[in-house]
Amino acid sequence: MVTTLPILINSLLYSAVGIIVFGIGFWVLDRLTPGKLWEEIHDQRNIGVAIVAGAMALGLAIIIAAAIHG
């Protein structure tokens, strides 16, 4: 399989767009939840919040990947 430069550039562009959309989406989800997720996970060592945040991140990533893939 030969990878050409336009295919590589498109892949990098879609990856960058996906990462940016994921970051914005996770920030919005963090603002919608009560309290600060990072403080609860890191300072309070709340495993339940970590599991919920991880599930939200996975769900958001799957949605973004499906939207980009088409």
PDB file of N, CA and C in Angstrom:
ATOM      1  N   MET A   1       0.843  -1.182   0.000  1.00  0.00           N
ATOM      2  CA  MET A   1       0.000   0.000   0.000  1.00  0.00           C
ATOM      3  C   MET A   1       0.881   1.236   0.000  1.00  0.00           C
ATOM      4  N   VAL A   2       0.634   2.107  -0.915  1.00  0.00           N
ATOM      5  CA  VAL A   2       1.413   3.325  -1.058  1.00  0.00           C
ATOM      6  C   VAL A   2       0.646   4.474  -0.427  1.00  0.00           C
ATOM      7  N   THR A   3       1.324   5.180   0.483  1.00  0.00           N
ATOM      8  CA  THR A   3       0.708   6.338   1.121  1.00  0.00           C
ATOM      9  C   THR A   3       1.230   7.588   0.433  1.00  0.00           C
ATOM     10  N   THR A   4       0.326   8.344  -0.109  1.00  0.00           N
ATOM     11  CA  THR A   4       0.736   9.572  -0.769  1.00  0.00           C
ATOM     12  C   THR A   4       0.628  10.740   0.197  1.00  0.00           C
ATOM     13  N   LEU A   5       1.264  11.822  -0.179  1.00  0.00           N
ATOM     14  CA  LEU A   5       1.290  13.006   0.680  1.00  0.00           C
ATOM     15  C   LEU A   5      -0.107  13.586   0.938  1.00  0.00           C
ATOM     16  N   PRO A   6      -0.994  13.712  -0.044  1.00  0.00           N
ATOM     17  CA  PRO A   6      -2.337  14.248   0.246  1.00  0.00           C
ATOM     18  C   PRO A   6      -3.123  13.381   1.234  1.00  0.00           C
ATOM     19  N   ILE A   7      -2.967  12.055   1.147  1.00  0.00           N
ATOM     20  CA  ILE A   7      -3.664  11.175   2.084  1.00  0.00           C
ATOM     21  C   ILE A   7      -3.126  11.376   3.495  1.00  0.00           C
ATOM     22  N   LEU A   8      -1.816  11.519   3.611  1.00  0.00           N
ATOM     23  CA  LEU A   8      -1.201  11.751   4.918  1.00  0.00           C
ATOM     24  C   LEU A   8      -1.648  13.091   5.502  1.00  0.00           C
ATOM     25  N   ILE A   9      -1.685  14.123   4.683  1.00  0.00           N
ATOM     26  CA  ILE A   9      -2.120  15.442   5.155  1.00  0.00           C
ATOM     27  C   ILE A   9      -3.586  15.406   5.586  1.00  0.00           C
ATOM     28  N   ASN A  10      -4.435  14.726   4.809  1.00  0.00           N
ATOM     29  CA  ASN A  10      -5.846  14.605   5.192  1.00  0.00           C
ATOM     30  C   ASN A  10      -6.002  13.861   6.506  1.00  0.00           C
ATOM     31  N   SER A  11      -5.237  12.808   6.701  1.00  0.00           N
ATOM     32  CA  SER A  11      -5.314  12.050   7.943  1.00  0.00           C
ATOM     33  C   SER A  11      -4.893  12.895   9.129  1.00  0.00           C
ATOM     34  N   LEU A  12      -3.819  13.647   8.975  1.00  0.00           N
ATOM     35  CA  LEU A  12      -3.363  14.520  10.060  1.00  0.00           C
ATOM     36  C   LEU A  12      -4.361  15.635  10.336  1.00  0.00           C
ATOM     37  N   LEU A  13      -4.966  16.169   9.281  1.00  0.00           N
ATOM     38  CA  LEU A  13      -5.961  17.231   9.452  1.00  0.00           C
ATOM     39  C   LEU A  13      -7.193  16.716  10.186  1.00  0.00           C
ATOM     40  N   TYR A  14      -7.709  15.561   9.768  1.00  0.00           N
ATOM     41  CA  TYR A  14      -8.869  14.986  10.444  1.00  0.00           C
ATOM     42  C   TYR A  14      -8.547  14.617  11.891  1.00  0.00           C
ATOM     43  N   SER A  15      -7.334  14.137  12.136  1.00  0.00           N
ATOM     44  CA  SER A  15      -6.937  13.819  13.511  1.00  0.00           C
ATOM     45  C   SER A  15      -6.911  15.078  14.369  1.00  0.00           C
ATOM     46  N   ALA A  16      -6.339  16.146  13.837  1.00  0.00           N
ATOM     47  CA  ALA A  16      -6.277  17.403  14.585  1.00  0.00           C
ATOM     48  C   ALA A  16      -7.680  17.944  14.863  1.00  0.00           C
ATOM     49  N   VAL A  17      -8.545  17.902  13.862  1.00  0.00           N
ATOM     50  CA  VAL A  17      -9.922  18.373  14.055  1.00  0.00           C
ATOM     51  C   VAL A  17     -10.623  17.522  15.112  1.00  0.00           C
ATOM     52  N   GLY A  18     -10.439  16.212  15.058  1.00  0.00           N
ATOM     53  CA  GLY A  18     -11.055  15.326  16.038  1.00  0.00           C
ATOM     54  C   GLY A  18     -10.573  15.596  17.447  1.00  0.00           C
ATOM     55  N   ILE A  19      -9.269  15.828  17.608  1.00  0.00           N
ATOM     56  CA  ILE A  19      -8.716  16.110  18.942  1.00  0.00           C
ATOM     57  C   ILE A  19      -9.237  17.437  19.467  1.00  0.00           C
ATOM     58  N   ILE A  20      -9.325  18.440  18.608  1.00  0.00           N
ATOM     59  CA  ILE A  20      -9.837  19.749  19.031  1.00  0.00           C
ATOM     60  C   ILE A  20     -11.310  19.652  19.425  1.00  0.00           C
ATOM     61  N   VAL A  21     -12.107  18.972  18.612  1.00  0.00           N
ATOM     62  CA  VAL A  21     -13.534  18.810  18.930  1.00  0.00           C
ATOM     63  C   VAL A  21     -13.706  18.009  20.218  1.00  0.00           C
ATOM     64  N   PHE A  22     -12.874  16.980  20.403  1.00  0.00           N
ATOM     65  CA  PHE A  22     -12.940  16.193  21.633  1.00  0.00           C
ATOM     66  C   PHE A  22     -12.620  17.053  22.852  1.00  0.00           C
ATOM     67  N   GLY A  23     -11.581  17.873  22.753  1.00  0.00           N
ATOM     68  CA  GLY A  23     -11.215  18.745  23.873  1.00  0.00           C
ATOM     69  C   GLY A  23     -12.323  19.729  24.220  1.00  0.00           C
ATOM     70  N   ILE A  24     -12.916  20.328  23.205  1.00  0.00           N
ATOM     71  CA  ILE A  24     -14.018  21.269  23.443  1.00  0.00           C
ATOM     72  C   ILE A  24     -15.221  20.536  24.037  1.00  0.00           C
ATOM     73  N   GLY A  25     -15.535  19.371  23.488  1.00  0.00           N
ATOM     74  CA  GLY A  25     -16.667  18.599  23.996  1.00  0.00           C
ATOM     75  C   GLY A  25     -16.475  18.158  25.436  1.00  0.00           C
ATOM     76  N   PHE A  26     -15.265  17.722  25.770  1.00  0.00           N
ATOM     77  CA  PHE A  26     -15.020  17.308  27.148  1.00  0.00           C
ATOM     78  C   PHE A  26     -15.064  18.505  28.095  1.00  0.00           C
ATOM     79  N   TRP A  27     -14.594  19.655  27.634  1.00  0.00           N
ATOM     80  CA  TRP A  27     -14.661  20.855  28.456  1.00  0.00           C
ATOM     81  C   TRP A  27     -16.124  21.224  28.735  1.00  0.00           C
ATOM     82  N   VAL A  28     -16.974  21.112  27.700  1.00  0.00           N
ATOM     83  CA  VAL A  28     -18.404  21.404  27.877  1.00  0.00           C
ATOM     84  C   VAL A  28     -19.022  20.410  28.861  1.00  0.00           C
ATOM     85  N   LEU A  29     -18.699  19.129  28.716  1.00  0.00           N
ATOM     86  CA  LEU A  29     -19.233  18.136  29.653  1.00  0.00           C
ATOM     87  C   LEU A  29     -18.751  18.394  31.076  1.00  0.00           C
ATOM     88  N   ASP A  30     -17.502  18.853  31.223  1.00  0.00           N
ATOM     89  CA  ASP A  30     -16.982  19.182  32.552  1.00  0.00           C
ATOM     90  C   ASP A  30     -17.758  20.341  33.154  1.00  0.00           C
ATOM     91  N   ARG A  31     -18.129  21.313  32.332  1.00  0.00           N
ATOM     92  CA  ARG A  31     -18.890  22.463  32.836  1.00  0.00           C
ATOM     93  C   ARG A  31     -20.334  22.092  33.165  1.00  0.00           C
ATOM     94  N   LEU A  32     -20.892  21.099  32.477  1.00  0.00           N
ATOM     95  CA  LEU A  32     -22.278  20.703  32.722  1.00  0.00           C
ATOM     96  C   LEU A  32     -22.441  19.860  33.985  1.00  0.00           C
ATOM     97  N   THR A  33     -21.375  19.207  34.410  1.00  0.00           N
ATOM     98  CA  THR A  33     -21.456  18.372  35.608  1.00  0.00           C
ATOM     99  C   THR A  33     -21.236  19.237  36.845  1.00  0.00           C
ATOM    100  N   PRO A  34     -21.855  18.863  37.946  1.00  0.00           N
ATOM    101  CA  PRO A  34     -21.638  19.640  39.174  1.00  0.00           C
ATOM    102  C   PRO A  34     -20.226  19.407  39.713  1.00  0.00           C
ATOM    103  N   GLY A  35     -19.582  20.469  40.156  1.00  0.00           N
ATOM    104  CA  GLY A  35     -18.228  20.364  40.692  1.00  0.00           C
ATOM    105  C   GLY A  35     -17.193  20.311  39.589  1.00  0.00           C
ATOM    106  N   LYS A  36     -15.952  20.191  39.996  1.00  0.00           N
ATOM    107  CA  LYS A  36     -14.834  20.098  39.064  1.00  0.00           C
ATOM    108  C   LYS A  36     -14.386  18.648  38.976  1.00  0.00           C
ATOM    109  N   LEU A  37     -14.377  18.097  37.761  1.00  0.00           N
ATOM    110  CA  LEU A  37     -14.015  16.692  37.588  1.00  0.00           C
ATOM    111  C   LEU A  37     -12.582  16.419  38.034  1.00  0.00           C
ATOM    112  N   TRP A  38     -11.636  17.265  37.611  1.00  0.00           N
ATOM    113  CA  TRP A  38     -10.241  17.007  37.926  1.00  0.00           C
ATOM    114  C   TRP A  38      -9.994  17.065  39.435  1.00  0.00           C
ATOM    115  N   GLU A  39     -10.608  18.016  40.130  1.00  0.00           N
ATOM    116  CA  GLU A  39     -10.432  18.102  41.582  1.00  0.00           C
ATOM    117  C   GLU A  39     -11.007  16.870  42.273  1.00  0.00           C
ATOM    118  N   GLU A  40     -12.155  16.413  41.819  1.00  0.00           N
ATOM    119  CA  GLU A  40     -12.758  15.214  42.416  1.00  0.00           C
ATOM    120  C   GLU A  40     -11.905  13.978  42.171  1.00  0.00           C
ATOM    121  N   ILE A  41     -11.354  13.860  40.961  1.00  0.00           N
ATOM    122  CA  ILE A  41     -10.571  12.666  40.623  1.00  0.00           C
ATOM    123  C   ILE A  41      -9.204  12.714  41.297  1.00  0.00           C
ATOM    124  N   HIS A  42      -8.517  13.830  41.203  1.00  0.00           N
ATOM    125  CA  HIS A  42      -7.149  13.902  41.692  1.00  0.00           C
ATOM    126  C   HIS A  42      -7.065  14.169  43.192  1.00  0.00           C
ATOM    127  N   ASP A  43      -7.761  15.176  43.659  1.00  0.00           N
ATOM    128  CA  ASP A  43      -7.634  15.564  45.063  1.00  0.00           C
ATOM    129  C   ASP A  43      -8.458  14.675  45.985  1.00  0.00           C
ATOM    130  N   GLN A  44      -9.709  14.389  45.617  1.00  0.00           N
ATOM    131  CA  GLN A  44     -10.596  13.594  46.471  1.00  0.00           C
ATOM    132  C   GLN A  44     -10.444  12.096  46.237  1.00  0.00           C
ATOM    133  N   ARG A  45      -9.749  11.700  45.173  1.00  0.00           N
ATOM    134  CA  ARG A  45      -9.539  10.282  44.806  1.00  0.00           C
ATOM    135  C   ARG A  45     -10.878   9.550  44.645  1.00  0.00           C
ATOM    136  N   ASN A  46     -11.818  10.211  43.963  1.00  0.00           N
ATOM    137  CA  ASN A  46     -13.149   9.661  43.762  1.00  0.00           C
ATOM    138  C   ASN A  46     -13.146   8.773  42.513  1.00  0.00           C
ATOM    139  N   ILE A  47     -13.140   7.462  42.718  1.00  0.00           N
ATOM    140  CA  ILE A  47     -13.046   6.515  41.612  1.00  0.00           C
ATOM    141  C   ILE A  47     -14.331   6.514  40.778  1.00  0.00           C
ATOM    142  N   GLY A  48     -15.469   6.703  41.423  1.00  0.00           N
ATOM    143  CA  GLY A  48     -16.732   6.737  40.694  1.00  0.00           C
ATOM    144  C   GLY A  48     -16.778   7.865  39.679  1.00  0.00           C
ATOM    145  N   VAL A  49     -16.294   9.036  40.060  1.00  0.00           N
ATOM    146  CA  VAL A  49     -16.255  10.164  39.132  1.00  0.00           C
ATOM    147  C   VAL A  49     -15.277   9.876  38.002  1.00  0.00           C
ATOM    148  N   ALA A  50     -14.170   9.216  38.314  1.00  0.00           N
ATOM    149  CA  ALA A  50     -13.194   8.865  37.277  1.00  0.00           C
ATOM    150  C   ALA A  50     -13.806   7.899  36.257  1.00  0.00           C
ATOM    151  N   ILE A  51     -14.582   6.955  36.721  1.00  0.00           N
ATOM    152  CA  ILE A  51     -15.233   6.010  35.812  1.00  0.00           C
ATOM    153  C   ILE A  51     -16.251   6.726  34.926  1.00  0.00           C
ATOM    154  N   VAL A  52     -17.029   7.616  35.510  1.00  0.00           N
ATOM    155  CA  VAL A  52     -18.015   8.372  34.730  1.00  0.00           C
ATOM    156  C   VAL A  52     -17.321   9.282  33.721  1.00  0.00           C
ATOM    157  N   ALA A  53     -16.241   9.946  34.121  1.00  0.00           N
ATOM    158  CA  ALA A  53     -15.504  10.816  33.200  1.00  0.00           C
ATOM    159  C   ALA A  53     -14.889   9.997  32.065  1.00  0.00           C
ATOM    160  N   GLY A  54     -14.372   8.827  32.377  1.00  0.00           N
ATOM    161  CA  GLY A  54     -13.822   7.963  31.340  1.00  0.00           C
ATOM    162  C   GLY A  54     -14.883   7.477  30.374  1.00  0.00           C
ATOM    163  N   ALA A  55     -16.049   7.136  30.897  1.00  0.00           N
ATOM    164  CA  ALA A  55     -17.151   6.706  30.034  1.00  0.00           C
ATOM    165  C   ALA A  55     -17.621   7.849  29.144  1.00  0.00           C
ATOM    166  N   MET A  56     -17.684   9.064  29.694  1.00  0.00           N
ATOM    167  CA  MET A  56     -18.058  10.225  28.885  1.00  0.00           C
ATOM    168  C   MET A  56     -17.023  10.457  27.787  1.00  0.00           C
ATOM    169  N   ALA A  57     -15.741  10.322  28.126  1.00  0.00           N
ATOM    170  CA  ALA A  57     -14.682  10.531  27.146  1.00  0.00           C
ATOM    171  C   ALA A  57     -14.762   9.493  26.029  1.00  0.00           C
ATOM    172  N   LEU A  58     -14.978   8.230  26.384  1.00  0.00           N
ATOM    173  CA  LEU A  58     -15.096   7.185  25.369  1.00  0.00           C
ATOM    174  C   LEU A  58     -16.312   7.407  24.474  1.00  0.00           C
ATOM    175  N   GLY A  59     -17.436   7.731  25.074  1.00  0.00           N
ATOM    176  CA  GLY A  59     -18.641   7.987  24.294  1.00  0.00           C
ATOM    177  C   GLY A  59     -18.466   9.160  23.350  1.00  0.00           C
ATOM    178  N   LEU A  60     -17.861  10.220  23.825  1.00  0.00           N
ATOM    179  CA  LEU A  60     -17.622  11.396  22.996  1.00  0.00           C
ATOM    180  C   LEU A  60     -16.658  11.066  21.865  1.00  0.00           C
ATOM    181  N   ALA A  61     -15.623  10.296  22.159  1.00  0.00           N
ATOM    182  CA  ALA A  61     -14.662   9.907  21.127  1.00  0.00           C
ATOM    183  C   ALA A  61     -15.304   9.043  20.053  1.00  0.00           C
ATOM    184  N   ILE A  62     -16.183   8.138  20.449  1.00  0.00           N
ATOM    185  CA  ILE A  62     -16.871   7.282  19.466  1.00  0.00           C
ATOM    186  C   ILE A  62     -17.775   8.122  18.563  1.00  0.00           C
ATOM    187  N   ILE A  63     -18.476   9.077  19.148  1.00  0.00           N
ATOM    188  CA  ILE A  63     -19.358   9.946  18.359  1.00  0.00           C
ATOM    189  C   ILE A  63     -18.552  10.784  17.368  1.00  0.00           C
ATOM    190  N   ILE A  64     -17.441  11.352  17.828  1.00  0.00           N
ATOM    191  CA  ILE A  64     -16.602  12.175  16.947  1.00  0.00           C
ATOM    192  C   ILE A  64     -16.002  11.326  15.828  1.00  0.00           C
ATOM    193  N   ALA A  65     -15.531  10.129  16.167  1.00  0.00           N
ATOM    194  CA  ALA A  65     -14.952   9.251  15.150  1.00  0.00           C
ATOM    195  C   ALA A  65     -15.988   8.860  14.098  1.00  0.00           C
ATOM    196  N   ALA A  66     -17.202   8.576  14.539  1.00  0.00           N
ATOM    197  CA  ALA A  66     -18.260   8.228  13.584  1.00  0.00           C
ATOM    198  C   ALA A  66     -18.631   9.425  12.711  1.00  0.00           C
ATOM    199  N   ALA A  67     -18.633  10.623  13.295  1.00  0.00           N
ATOM    200  CA  ALA A  67     -18.967  11.810  12.507  1.00  0.00           C
ATOM    201  C   ALA A  67     -17.887  12.111  11.480  1.00  0.00           C
ATOM    202  N   ILE A  68     -16.633  11.915  11.843  1.00  0.00           N
ATOM    203  CA  ILE A  68     -15.538  12.190  10.909  1.00  0.00           C
ATOM    204  C   ILE A  68     -15.480  11.104   9.835  1.00  0.00           C
ATOM    205  N   HIS A  69     -15.668   9.867  10.237  1.00  0.00           N
ATOM    206  CA  HIS A  69     -15.562   8.760   9.277  1.00  0.00           C
ATOM    207  C   HIS A  69     -16.692   8.795   8.258  1.00  0.00           C
ATOM    208  N   GLY A  70     -17.870   9.179   8.700  1.00  0.00           N
ATOM    209  CA  GLY A  70     -18.989   9.321   7.770  1.00  0.00           C
ATOM    210  C   GLY A  70     -19.861   8.172   7.671  1.00  0.00           C
TER     211      GLY A  70
END
